[in-house]
Amino acid sequence: MTKFLVATHNAGKFAEIAQLLAGYGHTAQQLTDVLPPEGDADLLTNATAKAQAAHASHPDDYVLGDDSGLFVSGHPELFGVHTARQLPRHATNAALLAKVPAQTAVILRSVLVLISPSNRVQSATGQLAATLAASALGQDGTGFDQVLIPNGEAMTLAQMPVAIRTAYLPRQRAMAQLFA
């Protein structure tokens, strides 16, 4: 069992990452240090900056940086690397549905960057192709789970049993690459 320091101040994101790490037999600790602001380049650059900042302060620990974004088909100006800056912290799904019509194709992408105590850097990307629901549906999950319907499915992530939903999560898909 390895403890990972997770470089995020987002409680929902941390909870999801901690749960996913537990599935691999690992534990997570949320990093409370100051993290660099997210930039405009891409998700990998942002996740790397967070992981590097955490590693600089905690060189003897495994650190995990993350950045995620929602990419809207036909609207490159919306969200992407700026998702967290274009949508409010609360009532996020309502704000998203007010800007993007139901049935719009989207991709939710997550990038994880892992730095080991030996300074080995690994990165992985996971993504989910989905469409937007007309309204928030379901009680389980975090983030966009109530409004994302994975391609080929009829219900949102939040309506799915955990065992099914987890396989669709972009962070899970990225984590599977890191631990392969």
C-alpha atoms as a PDB file:
ATOM      1  CA  MET A   1       0.000   0.000   0.000  1.00  0.00           C
ATOM      2  CA  THR A   2       1.395   3.348  -1.089  1.00  0.00           C
ATOM      3  CA  LYS A   3       0.274   6.760   0.125  1.00  0.00           C
ATOM      4  CA  PHE A   4      -0.208   9.370  -2.590  1.00  0.00           C
ATOM      5  CA  LEU A   5      -0.301  13.117  -1.985  1.00  0.00           C
ATOM      6  CA  VAL A   6      -2.992  14.509  -4.254  1.00  0.00           C
ATOM      7  CA  ALA A   7      -2.295  18.044  -5.470  1.00  0.00           C
ATOM      8  CA  THR A   8      -5.795  19.516  -5.481  1.00  0.00           C
ATOM      9  CA  HIS A   9      -7.882  21.809  -3.309  1.00  0.00           C
ATOM     10  CA  ASN A  10     -11.117  20.494  -4.872  1.00  0.00           C
ATOM     11  CA  ALA A  11     -12.801  18.256  -2.280  1.00  0.00           C
ATOM     12  CA  GLY A  12     -14.944  16.413  -4.846  1.00  0.00           C
ATOM     13  CA  LYS A  13     -11.980  15.701  -7.093  1.00  0.00           C
ATOM     14  CA  PHE A  14      -9.934  14.509  -4.112  1.00  0.00           C
ATOM     15  CA  ALA A  15     -12.727  12.198  -2.919  1.00  0.00           C
ATOM     16  CA  GLU A  16     -12.977  10.595  -6.360  1.00  0.00           C
ATOM     17  CA  ILE A  17      -9.209  10.149  -6.664  1.00  0.00           C
ATOM     18  CA  ALA A  18      -8.992   8.713  -3.118  1.00  0.00           C
ATOM     19  CA  GLN A  19     -11.746   6.213  -3.910  1.00  0.00           C
ATOM     20  CA  LEU A  20     -10.060   5.193  -7.156  1.00  0.00           C
ATOM     21  CA  LEU A  21      -6.666   4.805  -5.440  1.00  0.00           C
ATOM     22  CA  ALA A  22      -8.296   2.649  -2.759  1.00  0.00           C
ATOM     23  CA  GLY A  23      -9.438   0.327  -5.534  1.00  0.00           C
ATOM     24  CA  TYR A  24      -5.758  -0.261  -6.316  1.00  0.00           C
ATOM     25  CA  GLY A  25      -4.927  -0.783  -2.635  1.00  0.00           C
ATOM     26  CA  HIS A  26      -3.449   2.682  -2.083  1.00  0.00           C
ATOM     27  CA  THR A  27      -4.295   5.599   0.179  1.00  0.00           C
ATOM     28  CA  ALA A  28      -4.567   9.302  -0.547  1.00  0.00           C
ATOM     29  CA  GLN A  29      -3.848  12.449   1.384  1.00  0.00           C
ATOM     30  CA  GLN A  30      -5.065  15.812   0.149  1.00  0.00           C
ATOM     31  CA  LEU A  31      -2.305  18.358  -0.228  1.00  0.00           C
ATOM     32  CA  THR A  32      -3.004  21.633   1.534  1.00  0.00           C
ATOM     33  CA  ASP A  33       0.011  23.473   0.120  1.00  0.00           C
ATOM     34  CA  VAL A  34      -0.309  26.418  -2.238  1.00  0.00           C
ATOM     35  CA  LEU A  35      -0.555  25.189  -5.812  1.00  0.00           C
ATOM     36  CA  PRO A  36       0.307  27.105  -8.964  1.00  0.00           C
ATOM     37  CA  PRO A  37      -2.575  28.733 -10.829  1.00  0.00           C
ATOM     38  CA  GLU A  38      -3.856  26.833 -13.825  1.00  0.00           C
ATOM     39  CA  GLY A  39      -2.588  28.115 -17.130  1.00  0.00           C
ATOM     40  CA  ASP A  40      -4.049  28.322 -20.606  1.00  0.00           C
ATOM     41  CA  ALA A  41      -1.845  25.844 -22.485  1.00  0.00           C
ATOM     42  CA  ASP A  42      -3.357  22.400 -21.883  1.00  0.00           C
ATOM     43  CA  LEU A  43      -4.404  19.907 -19.223  1.00  0.00           C
ATOM     44  CA  LEU A  44      -1.033  18.123 -19.174  1.00  0.00           C
ATOM     45  CA  THR A  45       0.853  21.345 -18.491  1.00  0.00           C
ATOM     46  CA  ASN A  46      -1.491  22.204 -15.610  1.00  0.00           C
ATOM     47  CA  ALA A  47      -1.386  18.712 -14.063  1.00  0.00           C
ATOM     48  CA  THR A  48       2.409  18.669 -14.378  1.00  0.00           C
ATOM     49  CA  ALA A  49       2.770  22.067 -12.701  1.00  0.00           C
ATOM     50  CA  LYS A  50       0.654  20.906  -9.745  1.00  0.00           C
ATOM     51  CA  ALA A  51       2.610  17.649  -9.408  1.00  0.00           C
ATOM     52  CA  GLN A  52       5.962  19.437  -9.658  1.00  0.00           C
ATOM     53  CA  ALA A  53       4.959  21.975  -7.003  1.00  0.00           C
ATOM     54  CA  ALA A  54       3.866  19.195  -4.677  1.00  0.00           C
ATOM     55  CA  HIS A  55       7.009  17.177  -5.367  1.00  0.00           C
ATOM     56  CA  ALA A  56       9.228  20.197  -4.630  1.00  0.00           C
ATOM     57  CA  SER A  57       7.650  20.483  -1.172  1.00  0.00           C
ATOM     58  CA  HIS A  58       7.353  16.733  -0.555  1.00  0.00           C
ATOM     59  CA  PRO A  59      10.224  15.035  -2.442  1.00  0.00           C
ATOM     60  CA  ASP A  60       9.991  11.815  -0.406  1.00  0.00           C
ATOM     61  CA  ASP A  61       6.354  11.175  -1.310  1.00  0.00           C
ATOM     62  CA  TYR A  62       4.460   9.981  -4.336  1.00  0.00           C
ATOM     63  CA  VAL A  63       2.519  12.980  -5.657  1.00  0.00           C
ATOM     64  CA  LEU A  64      -0.352  13.044  -8.088  1.00  0.00           C
ATOM     65  CA  GLY A  65      -1.389  16.106 -10.077  1.00  0.00           C
ATOM     66  CA  ASP A  66      -4.635  16.275 -12.017  1.00  0.00           C
ATOM     67  CA  ASP A  67      -6.364  18.558 -14.448  1.00  0.00           C
ATOM     68  CA  SER A  68      -9.639  17.929 -16.196  1.00  0.00           C
ATOM     69  CA  GLY A  69     -11.746  19.674 -18.772  1.00  0.00           C
ATOM     70  CA  LEU A  70     -14.984  19.367 -20.654  1.00  0.00           C
ATOM     71  CA  PHE A  71     -14.640  19.741 -24.422  1.00  0.00           C
ATOM     72  CA  VAL A  72     -17.834  20.638 -26.282  1.00  0.00           C
ATOM     73  CA  SER A  73     -18.289  19.470 -29.867  1.00  0.00           C
ATOM     74  CA  GLY A  74     -18.467  22.398 -32.255  1.00  0.00           C
ATOM     75  CA  HIS A  75     -17.606  24.953 -29.565  1.00  0.00           C
ATOM     76  CA  PRO A  76     -13.842  25.083 -28.985  1.00  0.00           C
ATOM     77  CA  GLU A  77     -14.247  28.430 -27.195  1.00  0.00           C
ATOM     78  CA  LEU A  78     -16.228  26.779 -24.407  1.00  0.00           C
ATOM     79  CA  PHE A  79     -14.602  25.178 -21.412  1.00  0.00           C
ATOM     80  CA  GLY A  80     -11.720  22.807 -22.285  1.00  0.00           C
ATOM     81  CA  VAL A  81      -8.670  23.796 -20.260  1.00  0.00           C
ATOM     82  CA  HIS A  82     -10.742  26.688 -18.832  1.00  0.00           C
ATOM     83  CA  THR A  83     -13.675  24.576 -17.588  1.00  0.00           C
ATOM     84  CA  ALA A  84     -13.174  25.351 -13.893  1.00  0.00           C
ATOM     85  CA  ARG A  85     -12.805  29.053 -14.679  1.00  0.00           C
ATOM     86  CA  GLN A  86     -15.854  29.301 -16.953  1.00  0.00           C
ATOM     87  CA  LEU A  87     -18.318  27.545 -14.667  1.00  0.00           C
ATOM     88  CA  PRO A  88     -19.226  28.420 -11.070  1.00  0.00           C
ATOM     89  CA  ARG A  89     -18.088  26.216  -8.150  1.00  0.00           C
ATOM     90  CA  HIS A  90     -21.714  25.675  -7.099  1.00  0.00           C
ATOM     91  CA  ALA A  91     -24.675  24.894  -9.358  1.00  0.00           C
ATOM     92  CA  THR A  92     -22.123  23.851 -11.984  1.00  0.00           C
ATOM     93  CA  ASN A  93     -24.431  21.508 -13.871  1.00  0.00           C
ATOM     94  CA  ALA A  94     -27.209  24.109 -14.101  1.00  0.00           C
ATOM     95  CA  ALA A  95     -24.725  26.652 -15.455  1.00  0.00           C
ATOM     96  CA  LEU A  96     -23.430  24.125 -17.991  1.00  0.00           C
ATOM     97  CA  LEU A  97     -26.929  23.241 -19.204  1.00  0.00           C
ATOM     98  CA  ALA A  98     -27.764  26.943 -19.509  1.00  0.00           C
ATOM     99  CA  LYS A  99     -24.843  27.378 -21.939  1.00  0.00           C
ATOM    100  CA  VAL A 100     -24.948  24.101 -23.894  1.00  0.00           C
ATOM    101  CA  PRO A 101     -28.098  22.413 -25.244  1.00  0.00           C
ATOM    102  CA  ALA A 102     -29.098  18.854 -24.354  1.00  0.00           C
ATOM    103  CA  GLN A 103     -27.854  16.082 -26.635  1.00  0.00           C
ATOM    104  CA  THR A 104     -24.664  18.001 -27.440  1.00  0.00           C
ATOM    105  CA  ALA A 105     -21.635  15.731 -27.833  1.00  0.00           C
ATOM    106  CA  VAL A 106     -18.903  16.342 -25.277  1.00  0.00           C
ATOM    107  CA  ILE A 107     -15.665  14.778 -24.125  1.00  0.00           C
ATOM    108  CA  LEU A 108     -14.640  14.855 -20.481  1.00  0.00           C
ATOM    109  CA  ARG A 109     -10.866  14.469 -20.322  1.00  0.00           C
ATOM    110  CA  SER A 110      -8.631  14.000 -17.273  1.00  0.00           C
ATOM    111  CA  VAL A 111      -4.862  14.040 -17.164  1.00  0.00           C
ATOM    112  CA  LEU A 112      -2.932  12.600 -14.223  1.00  0.00           C
ATOM    113  CA  VAL A 113       0.748  13.230 -13.577  1.00  0.00           C
ATOM    114  CA  LEU A 114       2.527  11.045 -11.037  1.00  0.00           C
ATOM    115  CA  ILE A 115       5.956  11.892  -9.633  1.00  0.00           C
ATOM    116  CA  SER A 116       7.711   9.298  -7.482  1.00  0.00           C
ATOM    117  CA  PRO A 117      10.280   9.917  -4.717  1.00  0.00           C
ATOM    118  CA  SER A 118      12.961   8.915  -7.258  1.00  0.00           C
ATOM    119  CA  ASN A 119      11.690  11.771  -9.487  1.00  0.00           C
ATOM    120  CA  ARG A 120      10.194   9.424 -12.085  1.00  0.00           C
ATOM    121  CA  VAL A 121       7.433  11.283 -13.939  1.00  0.00           C
ATOM    122  CA  GLN A 122       4.521   9.453 -15.555  1.00  0.00           C
ATOM    123  CA  SER A 123       1.431  10.872 -17.161  1.00  0.00           C
ATOM    124  CA  ALA A 124      -1.785   9.362 -18.427  1.00  0.00           C
ATOM    125  CA  THR A 125      -4.955  10.643 -20.041  1.00  0.00           C
ATOM    126  CA  GLY A 126      -8.441   9.222 -19.757  1.00  0.00           C
ATOM    127  CA  GLN A 127     -11.553  10.459 -21.470  1.00  0.00           C
ATOM    128  CA  LEU A 128     -15.257   9.868 -21.723  1.00  0.00           C
ATOM    129  CA  ALA A 129     -17.265  10.553 -24.883  1.00  0.00           C
ATOM    130  CA  ALA A 130     -20.806  11.472 -23.880  1.00  0.00           C
ATOM    131  CA  THR A 131     -23.855  13.589 -24.599  1.00  0.00           C
ATOM    132  CA  LEU A 132     -25.467  16.094 -22.278  1.00  0.00           C
ATOM    133  CA  ALA A 133     -28.737  15.177 -20.592  1.00  0.00           C
ATOM    134  CA  ALA A 134     -31.619  17.677 -20.664  1.00  0.00           C
ATOM    135  CA  SER A 135     -31.453  18.020 -16.870  1.00  0.00           C
ATOM    136  CA  ALA A 136     -29.472  16.713 -13.916  1.00  0.00           C
ATOM    137  CA  LEU A 137     -30.474  13.092 -13.260  1.00  0.00           C
ATOM    138  CA  GLY A 138     -29.356  10.664 -10.565  1.00  0.00           C
ATOM    139  CA  GLN A 139     -28.047  10.997  -7.047  1.00  0.00           C
ATOM    140  CA  ASP A 140     -24.616   9.376  -7.144  1.00  0.00           C
ATOM    141  CA  GLY A 141     -21.295  10.648  -8.377  1.00  0.00           C
ATOM    142  CA  THR A 142     -19.615  14.030  -8.440  1.00  0.00           C
ATOM    143  CA  GLY A 143     -18.983  16.848 -10.870  1.00  0.00           C
ATOM    144  CA  PHE A 144     -20.713  16.362 -14.192  1.00  0.00           C
ATOM    145  CA  ASP A 145     -21.934  12.823 -13.397  1.00  0.00           C
ATOM    146  CA  GLN A 146     -25.572  13.962 -13.263  1.00  0.00           C
ATOM    147  CA  VAL A 147     -25.531  15.433 -16.780  1.00  0.00           C
ATOM    148  CA  LEU A 148     -23.233  13.127 -18.772  1.00  0.00           C
ATOM    149  CA  ILE A 149     -24.693  10.169 -20.641  1.00  0.00           C
ATOM    150  CA  PRO A 150     -21.843   7.966 -21.906  1.00  0.00           C
ATOM    151  CA  ASN A 151     -22.059   7.129 -25.593  1.00  0.00           C
ATOM    152  CA  GLY A 152     -24.032   3.911 -26.019  1.00  0.00           C
ATOM    153  CA  GLU A 153     -25.832   4.282 -22.674  1.00  0.00           C
ATOM    154  CA  ALA A 154     -29.308   5.545 -21.803  1.00  0.00           C
ATOM    155  CA  MET A 155     -28.644   6.984 -18.337  1.00  0.00           C
ATOM    156  CA  THR A 156     -26.317   9.503 -16.749  1.00  0.00           C
ATOM    157  CA  LEU A 157     -23.261   8.423 -14.818  1.00  0.00           C
ATOM    158  CA  ALA A 158     -25.046   9.426 -11.594  1.00  0.00           C
ATOM    159  CA  GLN A 159     -27.864   6.975 -12.348  1.00  0.00           C
ATOM    160  CA  MET A 160     -25.496   4.031 -12.831  1.00  0.00           C
ATOM    161  CA  PRO A 161     -24.399   1.590 -10.133  1.00  0.00           C
ATOM    162  CA  VAL A 162     -20.889   2.422  -8.884  1.00  0.00           C
ATOM    163  CA  ALA A 163     -19.332  -0.674 -10.474  1.00  0.00           C
ATOM    164  CA  ILE A 164     -20.567   0.367 -13.915  1.00  0.00           C
ATOM    165  CA  ARG A 165     -19.976   4.129 -13.500  1.00  0.00           C
ATOM    166  CA  THR A 166     -16.379   3.715 -12.335  1.00  0.00           C
ATOM    167  CA  ALA A 167     -15.318   2.087 -15.595  1.00  0.00           C
ATOM    168  CA  TYR A 168     -16.447   5.198 -17.500  1.00  0.00           C
ATOM    169  CA  LEU A 169     -14.677   7.771 -15.315  1.00  0.00           C
ATOM    170  CA  PRO A 170     -11.828   9.530 -17.131  1.00  0.00           C
ATOM    171  CA  ARG A 171      -9.696   9.577 -13.966  1.00  0.00           C
ATOM    172  CA  GLN A 172     -10.173   5.819 -13.582  1.00  0.00           C
ATOM    173  CA  ARG A 173      -9.126   5.301 -17.193  1.00  0.00           C
ATOM    174  CA  ALA A 174      -6.021   7.437 -16.655  1.00  0.00           C
ATOM    175  CA  MET A 175      -5.224   5.699 -13.374  1.00  0.00           C
ATOM    176  CA  ALA A 176      -5.493   2.292 -15.050  1.00  0.00           C
ATOM    177  CA  GLN A 177      -2.777   3.439 -17.460  1.00  0.00           C
ATOM    178  CA  LEU A 178      -0.542   4.609 -14.610  1.00  0.00           C
ATOM    179  CA  PHE A 179      -0.836   1.315 -12.739  1.00  0.00           C
ATOM    180  CA  ALA A 180      -0.682  -0.984 -15.779  1.00  0.00           C
END
